[in-house]
Amino acid sequence: MKNSNMKPGDHYVYTPSTTDVTIRWRANYGWVPPTEDPVYQKKWSDFRIKCAQGVETLMNPEALTASASTFHTA
């Protein structure tokens, strides 16, 4: 049998439907919601940038550097 650090009272915790369980998760387990996680934020920021660049840059990444150089004027 697997030994866990749970006490008998930890196996079931009554939570009313109006309770925000994320408060308990933060306090007891150190949980960080994705909206506050820097790794998750960077992942979706990069995804939004790729979507904004268009499908052409996914197929041909060199097109991004070529098109970027045409927009820069001295």
PDB file of N, CA and C in Angstrom:
ATOM      1  N   MET A   1       0.827  -1.173   0.000  1.00  0.00           N
ATOM      2  CA  MET A   1       0.000   0.000   0.000  1.00  0.00           C
ATOM      3  C   MET A   1       0.881   1.248   0.000  1.00  0.00           C
ATOM      4  N   LYS A   2       0.505   2.214  -0.789  1.00  0.00           N
ATOM      5  CA  LYS A   2       1.272   3.441  -0.902  1.00  0.00           C
ATOM      6  C   LYS A   2       1.055   4.306   0.336  1.00  0.00           C
ATOM      7  N   ASN A   3       2.140   4.776   0.900  1.00  0.00           N
ATOM      8  CA  ASN A   3       2.071   5.624   2.077  1.00  0.00           C
ATOM      9  C   ASN A   3       2.019   7.085   1.632  1.00  0.00           C
ATOM     10  N   SER A   4       1.049   7.812   2.117  1.00  0.00           N
ATOM     11  CA  SER A   4       0.969   9.234   1.796  1.00  0.00           C
ATOM     12  C   SER A   4       1.007  10.045   3.077  1.00  0.00           C
ATOM     13  N   ASN A   5       1.223  11.313   2.929  1.00  0.00           N
ATOM     14  CA  ASN A   5       1.287  12.198   4.086  1.00  0.00           C
ATOM     15  C   ASN A   5      -0.078  12.754   4.461  1.00  0.00           C
ATOM     16  N   MET A   6      -1.136  12.211   3.866  1.00  0.00           N
ATOM     17  CA  MET A   6      -2.477  12.715   4.141  1.00  0.00           C
ATOM     18  C   MET A   6      -2.987  12.195   5.473  1.00  0.00           C
ATOM     19  N   LYS A   7      -3.672  13.064   6.188  1.00  0.00           N
ATOM     20  CA  LYS A   7      -4.322  12.667   7.429  1.00  0.00           C
ATOM     21  C   LYS A   7      -5.750  12.248   7.092  1.00  0.00           C
ATOM     22  N   PRO A   8      -6.418  11.497   7.940  1.00  0.00           N
ATOM     23  CA  PRO A   8      -7.782  11.068   7.634  1.00  0.00           C
ATOM     24  C   PRO A   8      -8.719  12.227   7.305  1.00  0.00           C
ATOM     25  N   GLY A   9      -8.539  13.370   7.926  1.00  0.00           N
ATOM     26  CA  GLY A   9      -9.389  14.524   7.654  1.00  0.00           C
ATOM     27  C   GLY A   9      -9.129  15.159   6.294  1.00  0.00           C
ATOM     28  N   ASP A  10      -8.010  14.827   5.666  1.00  0.00           N
ATOM     29  CA  ASP A  10      -7.659  15.416   4.373  1.00  0.00           C
ATOM     30  C   ASP A  10      -8.337  14.718   3.195  1.00  0.00           C
ATOM     31  N   HIS A  11      -8.885  13.542   3.424  1.00  0.00           N
ATOM     32  CA  HIS A  11      -9.442  12.775   2.320  1.00  0.00           C
ATOM     33  C   HIS A  11     -10.714  13.383   1.758  1.00  0.00           C
ATOM     34  N   TYR A  12     -11.457  14.054   2.566  1.00  0.00           N
ATOM     35  CA  TYR A  12     -12.678  14.682   2.078  1.00  0.00           C
ATOM     36  C   TYR A  12     -12.830  16.041   2.749  1.00  0.00           C
ATOM     37  N   VAL A  13     -12.950  17.064   1.945  1.00  0.00           N
ATOM     38  CA  VAL A  13     -13.156  18.409   2.468  1.00  0.00           C
ATOM     39  C   VAL A  13     -14.419  18.937   1.819  1.00  0.00           C
ATOM     40  N   TYR A  14     -15.400  19.239   2.642  1.00  0.00           N
ATOM     41  CA  TYR A  14     -16.650  19.782   2.115  1.00  0.00           C
ATOM     42  C   TYR A  14     -16.395  21.191   1.613  1.00  0.00           C
ATOM     43  N   THR A  15     -16.786  21.443   0.399  1.00  0.00           N
ATOM     44  CA  THR A  15     -16.617  22.757  -0.204  1.00  0.00           C
ATOM     45  C   THR A  15     -17.950  23.205  -0.763  1.00  0.00           C
ATOM     46  N   PRO A  16     -18.566  24.228  -0.183  1.00  0.00           N
ATOM     47  CA  PRO A  16     -19.816  24.739  -0.737  1.00  0.00           C
ATOM     48  C   PRO A  16     -19.601  25.253  -2.158  1.00  0.00           C
ATOM     49  N   SER A  17     -20.662  25.287  -2.925  1.00  0.00           N
ATOM     50  CA  SER A  17     -20.542  25.681  -4.327  1.00  0.00           C
ATOM     51  C   SER A  17     -20.087  27.126  -4.497  1.00  0.00           C
ATOM     52  N   THR A  18     -20.239  27.941  -3.497  1.00  0.00           N
ATOM     53  CA  THR A  18     -19.837  29.341  -3.602  1.00  0.00           C
ATOM     54  C   THR A  18     -18.402  29.581  -3.154  1.00  0.00           C
ATOM     55  N   THR A  19     -17.697  28.549  -2.758  1.00  0.00           N
ATOM     56  CA  THR A  19     -16.334  28.684  -2.255  1.00  0.00           C
ATOM     57  C   THR A  19     -15.344  28.719  -3.412  1.00  0.00           C
ATOM     58  N   ASP A  20     -14.381  29.619  -3.324  1.00  0.00           N
ATOM     59  CA  ASP A  20     -13.311  29.693  -4.311  1.00  0.00           C
ATOM     60  C   ASP A  20     -12.204  28.731  -3.870  1.00  0.00           C
ATOM     61  N   VAL A  21     -12.123  27.568  -4.492  1.00  0.00           N
ATOM     62  CA  VAL A  21     -11.156  26.552  -4.078  1.00  0.00           C
ATOM     63  C   VAL A  21      -9.726  26.958  -4.393  1.00  0.00           C
ATOM     64  N   THR A  22      -9.538  27.918  -5.282  1.00  0.00           N
ATOM     65  CA  THR A  22      -8.173  28.323  -5.613  1.00  0.00           C
ATOM     66  C   THR A  22      -7.467  28.951  -4.413  1.00  0.00           C
ATOM     67  N   ILE A  23      -8.232  29.516  -3.489  1.00  0.00           N
ATOM     68  CA  ILE A  23      -7.627  30.064  -2.271  1.00  0.00           C
ATOM     69  C   ILE A  23      -6.982  28.935  -1.471  1.00  0.00           C
ATOM     70  N   ARG A  24      -7.679  27.810  -1.340  1.00  0.00           N
ATOM     71  CA  ARG A  24      -7.133  26.660  -0.620  1.00  0.00           C
ATOM     72  C   ARG A  24      -5.938  26.077  -1.370  1.00  0.00           C
ATOM     73  N   TRP A  25      -6.041  25.985  -2.687  1.00  0.00           N
ATOM     74  CA  TRP A  25      -4.928  25.425  -3.471  1.00  0.00           C
ATOM     75  C   TRP A  25      -3.674  26.275  -3.328  1.00  0.00           C
ATOM     76  N   ARG A  26      -3.841  27.588  -3.322  1.00  0.00           N
ATOM     77  CA  ARG A  26      -2.686  28.473  -3.144  1.00  0.00           C
ATOM     78  C   ARG A  26      -2.057  28.274  -1.767  1.00  0.00           C
ATOM     79  N   ALA A  27      -2.890  28.273  -0.736  1.00  0.00           N
ATOM     80  CA  ALA A  27      -2.391  28.194   0.640  1.00  0.00           C
ATOM     81  C   ALA A  27      -1.758  26.840   0.948  1.00  0.00           C
ATOM     82  N   ASN A  28      -2.406  25.759   0.541  1.00  0.00           N
ATOM     83  CA  ASN A  28      -1.935  24.426   0.927  1.00  0.00           C
ATOM     84  C   ASN A  28      -0.886  23.838   0.002  1.00  0.00           C
ATOM     85  N   TYR A  29      -0.953  24.162  -1.278  1.00  0.00           N
ATOM     86  CA  TYR A  29      -0.086  23.480  -2.236  1.00  0.00           C
ATOM     87  C   TYR A  29       0.820  24.415  -3.018  1.00  0.00           C
ATOM     88  N   GLY A  30       0.711  25.722  -2.787  1.00  0.00           N
ATOM     89  CA  GLY A  30       1.554  26.672  -3.501  1.00  0.00           C
ATOM     90  C   GLY A  30       1.196  26.809  -4.968  1.00  0.00           C
ATOM     91  N   TRP A  31      -0.053  26.511  -5.303  1.00  0.00           N
ATOM     92  CA  TRP A  31      -0.512  26.571  -6.689  1.00  0.00           C
ATOM     93  C   TRP A  31      -0.507  28.001  -7.206  1.00  0.00           C
ATOM     94  N   VAL A  32      -0.061  28.179  -8.442  1.00  0.00           N
ATOM     95  CA  VAL A  32      -0.074  29.483  -9.097  1.00  0.00           C
ATOM     96  C   VAL A  32      -0.966  29.358 -10.326  1.00  0.00           C
ATOM     97  N   PRO A  33      -1.991  30.203 -10.450  1.00  0.00           N
ATOM     98  CA  PRO A  33      -2.856  30.104 -11.617  1.00  0.00           C
ATOM     99  C   PRO A  33      -2.090  30.462 -12.896  1.00  0.00           C
ATOM    100  N   PRO A  34      -2.472  29.887 -14.013  1.00  0.00           N
ATOM    101  CA  PRO A  34      -1.765  30.163 -15.267  1.00  0.00           C
ATOM    102  C   PRO A  34      -1.712  31.645 -15.613  1.00  0.00           C
ATOM    103  N   THR A  35      -2.723  32.405 -15.222  1.00  0.00           N
ATOM    104  CA  THR A  35      -2.716  33.824 -15.547  1.00  0.00           C
ATOM    105  C   THR A  35      -1.616  34.589 -14.824  1.00  0.00           C
ATOM    106  N   GLU A  36      -1.048  33.991 -13.769  1.00  0.00           N
ATOM    107  CA  GLU A  36       0.026  34.638 -13.011  1.00  0.00           C
ATOM    108  C   GLU A  36       1.365  33.939 -13.191  1.00  0.00           C
ATOM    109  N   ASP A  37       1.416  32.859 -13.944  1.00  0.00           N
ATOM    110  CA  ASP A  37       2.633  32.088 -14.137  1.00  0.00           C
ATOM    111  C   ASP A  37       3.433  32.682 -15.295  1.00  0.00           C
ATOM    112  N   PRO A  38       4.660  33.180 -15.045  1.00  0.00           N
ATOM    113  CA  PRO A  38       5.445  33.808 -16.108  1.00  0.00           C
ATOM    114  C   PRO A  38       5.742  32.870 -17.285  1.00  0.00           C
ATOM    115  N   VAL A  39       5.957  31.593 -17.018  1.00  0.00           N
ATOM    116  CA  VAL A  39       6.235  30.643 -18.100  1.00  0.00           C
ATOM    117  C   VAL A  39       5.019  30.515 -19.008  1.00  0.00           C
ATOM    118  N   TYR A  40       3.857  30.396 -18.416  1.00  0.00           N
ATOM    119  CA  TYR A  40       2.613  30.277 -19.174  1.00  0.00           C
ATOM    120  C   TYR A  40       2.329  31.567 -19.947  1.00  0.00           C
ATOM    121  N   GLN A  41       2.567  32.708 -19.314  1.00  0.00           N
ATOM    122  CA  GLN A  41       2.349  33.989 -19.983  1.00  0.00           C
ATOM    123  C   GLN A  41       3.255  34.133 -21.200  1.00  0.00           C
ATOM    124  N   LYS A  42       4.530  33.743 -21.065  1.00  0.00           N
ATOM    125  CA  LYS A  42       5.465  33.834 -22.192  1.00  0.00           C
ATOM    126  C   LYS A  42       5.044  32.898 -23.313  1.00  0.00           C
ATOM    127  N   LYS A  43       4.607  31.696 -22.962  1.00  0.00           N
ATOM    128  CA  LYS A  43       4.171  30.730 -23.972  1.00  0.00           C
ATOM    129  C   LYS A  43       3.062  31.321 -24.833  1.00  0.00           C
ATOM    130  N   TRP A  44       2.050  31.913 -24.199  1.00  0.00           N
ATOM    131  CA  TRP A  44       0.921  32.445 -24.960  1.00  0.00           C
ATOM    132  C   TRP A  44       1.257  33.761 -25.633  1.00  0.00           C
ATOM    133  N   SER A  45       2.184  34.500 -25.084  1.00  0.00           N
ATOM    134  CA  SER A  45       2.647  35.711 -25.753  1.00  0.00           C
ATOM    135  C   SER A  45       3.340  35.347 -27.062  1.00  0.00           C
ATOM    136  N   ASP A  46       4.205  34.335 -27.003  1.00  0.00           N
ATOM    137  CA  ASP A  46       4.881  33.865 -28.221  1.00  0.00           C
ATOM    138  C   ASP A  46       3.875  33.339 -29.233  1.00  0.00           C
ATOM    139  N   PHE A  47       2.856  32.639 -28.776  1.00  0.00           N
ATOM    140  CA  PHE A  47       1.828  32.105 -29.662  1.00  0.00           C
ATOM    141  C   PHE A  47       1.067  33.237 -30.358  1.00  0.00           C
ATOM    142  N   ARG A  48       0.700  34.271 -29.593  1.00  0.00           N
ATOM    143  CA  ARG A  48      -0.016  35.404 -30.195  1.00  0.00           C
ATOM    144  C   ARG A  48       0.845  36.125 -31.219  1.00  0.00           C
ATOM    145  N   ILE A  49       2.142  36.250 -30.953  1.00  0.00           N
ATOM    146  CA  ILE A  49       3.052  36.890 -31.904  1.00  0.00           C
ATOM    147  C   ILE A  49       3.113  36.083 -33.198  1.00  0.00           C
ATOM    148  N   LYS A  50       3.230  34.749 -33.070  1.00  0.00           N
ATOM    149  CA  LYS A  50       3.278  33.905 -34.267  1.00  0.00           C
ATOM    150  C   LYS A  50       1.983  34.001 -35.071  1.00  0.00           C
ATOM    151  N   CYS A  51       0.855  34.067 -34.384  1.00  0.00           N
ATOM    152  CA  CYS A  51      -0.422  34.200 -35.088  1.00  0.00           C
ATOM    153  C   CYS A  51      -0.494  35.539 -35.810  1.00  0.00           C
ATOM    154  N   ALA A  52       0.015  36.592 -35.186  1.00  0.00           N
ATOM    155  CA  ALA A  52      -0.023  37.914 -35.795  1.00  0.00           C
ATOM    156  C   ALA A  52       0.900  37.999 -37.010  1.00  0.00           C
ATOM    157  N   GLN A  53       1.972  37.201 -37.012  1.00  0.00           N
ATOM    158  CA  GLN A  53       2.910  37.221 -38.129  1.00  0.00           C
ATOM    159  C   GLN A  53       2.349  36.532 -39.360  1.00  0.00           C
ATOM    160  N   GLY A  54       1.415  35.635 -39.174  1.00  0.00           N
ATOM    161  CA  GLY A  54       0.783  34.978 -40.307  1.00  0.00           C
ATOM    162  C   GLY A  54       1.314  33.588 -40.571  1.00  0.00           C
ATOM    163  N   VAL A  55       0.573  32.866 -41.387  1.00  0.00           N
ATOM    164  CA  VAL A  55       0.902  31.480 -41.704  1.00  0.00           C
ATOM    165  C   VAL A  55       2.185  31.391 -42.530  1.00  0.00           C
ATOM    166  N   GLU A  56       2.437  32.382 -43.348  1.00  0.00           N
ATOM    167  CA  GLU A  56       3.615  32.342 -44.216  1.00  0.00           C
ATOM    168  C   GLU A  56       4.903  32.209 -43.418  1.00  0.00           C
ATOM    169  N   THR A  57       4.970  32.863 -42.259  1.00  0.00           N
ATOM    170  CA  THR A  57       6.183  32.801 -41.455  1.00  0.00           C
ATOM    171  C   THR A  57       6.356  31.444 -40.784  1.00  0.00           C
ATOM    172  N   LEU A  58       5.271  30.715 -40.595  1.00  0.00           N
ATOM    173  CA  LEU A  58       5.401  29.368 -40.032  1.00  0.00           C
ATOM    174  C   LEU A  58       6.029  28.426 -41.048  1.00  0.00           C
ATOM    175  N   MET A  59       5.661  28.603 -42.309  1.00  0.00           N
ATOM    176  CA  MET A  59       6.193  27.748 -43.372  1.00  0.00           C
ATOM    177  C   MET A  59       7.576  28.197 -43.820  1.00  0.00           C
ATOM    178  N   ASN A  60       7.852  29.502 -43.736  1.00  0.00           N
ATOM    179  CA  ASN A  60       9.113  30.054 -44.208  1.00  0.00           C
ATOM    180  C   ASN A  60       9.593  31.124 -43.216  1.00  0.00           C
ATOM    181  N   PRO A  61      10.326  30.732 -42.167  1.00  0.00           N
ATOM    182  CA  PRO A  61      10.759  31.698 -41.148  1.00  0.00           C
ATOM    183  C   PRO A  61      11.635  32.811 -41.704  1.00  0.00           C
ATOM    184  N   GLU A  62      12.342  32.558 -42.813  1.00  0.00           N
ATOM    185  CA  GLU A  62      13.192  33.587 -43.397  1.00  0.00           C
ATOM    186  C   GLU A  62      12.356  34.745 -43.947  1.00  0.00           C
ATOM    187  N   ALA A  63      11.101  34.485 -44.274  1.00  0.00           N
ATOM    188  CA  ALA A  63      10.231  35.537 -44.792  1.00  0.00           C
ATOM    189  C   ALA A  63      10.006  36.615 -43.739  1.00  0.00           C
ATOM    190  N   LEU A  64      10.049  36.234 -42.484  1.00  0.00           N
ATOM    191  CA  LEU A  64       9.855  37.201 -41.405  1.00  0.00           C
ATOM    192  C   LEU A  64      11.004  38.201 -41.386  1.00  0.00           C
ATOM    193  N   THR A  65      12.227  37.736 -41.475  1.00  0.00           N
ATOM    194  CA  THR A  65      13.367  38.659 -41.437  1.00  0.00           C
ATOM    195  C   THR A  65      13.411  39.499 -42.704  1.00  0.00           C
ATOM    196  N   ALA A  66      13.034  38.925 -43.826  1.00  0.00           N
ATOM    197  CA  ALA A  66      13.025  39.681 -45.080  1.00  0.00           C
ATOM    198  C   ALA A  66      11.956  40.770 -45.050  1.00  0.00           C
ATOM    199  N   SER A  67      10.764  40.424 -44.561  1.00  0.00           N
ATOM    200  CA  SER A  67       9.698  41.418 -44.517  1.00  0.00           C
ATOM    201  C   SER A  67       9.973  42.468 -43.449  1.00  0.00           C
ATOM    202  N   ALA A  68      10.629  42.097 -42.381  1.00  0.00           N
ATOM    203  CA  ALA A  68      10.954  43.058 -41.327  1.00  0.00           C
ATOM    204  C   ALA A  68      11.963  44.082 -41.821  1.00  0.00           C
ATOM    205  N   SER A  69      12.897  43.646 -42.676  1.00  0.00           N
ATOM    206  CA  SER A  69      13.893  44.590 -43.175  1.00  0.00           C
ATOM    207  C   SER A  69      13.288  45.582 -44.150  1.00  0.00           C
ATOM    208  N   THR A  70      12.200  45.236 -44.819  1.00  0.00           N
ATOM    209  CA  THR A  70      11.574  46.170 -45.753  1.00  0.00           C
ATOM    210  C   THR A  70      10.797  47.256 -45.025  1.00  0.00           C
ATOM    211  N   PHE A  71      10.400  47.005 -43.790  1.00  0.00           N
ATOM    212  CA  PHE A  71       9.624  47.984 -43.039  1.00  0.00           C
ATOM    213  C   PHE A  71      10.513  49.019 -42.338  1.00  0.00           C
ATOM    214  N   HIS A  72      11.772  48.694 -42.111  1.00  0.00           N
ATOM    215  CA  HIS A  72      12.665  49.616 -41.428  1.00  0.00           C
ATOM    216  C   HIS A  72      13.213  50.629 -42.432  1.00  0.00           C
ATOM    217  N   THR A  73      13.041  51.891 -42.115  1.00  0.00           N
ATOM    218  CA  THR A  73      13.586  52.937 -42.968  1.00  0.00           C
ATOM    219  C   THR A  73      14.539  53.782 -42.163  1.00  0.00           C
ATOM    220  N   ALA A  74      15.537  54.286 -42.812  1.00  0.00           N
ATOM    221  CA  ALA A  74      16.561  55.070 -42.105  1.00  0.00           C
ATOM    222  C   ALA A  74      16.224  56.528 -42.090  1.00  0.00           C
TER     223      ALA A  74
END
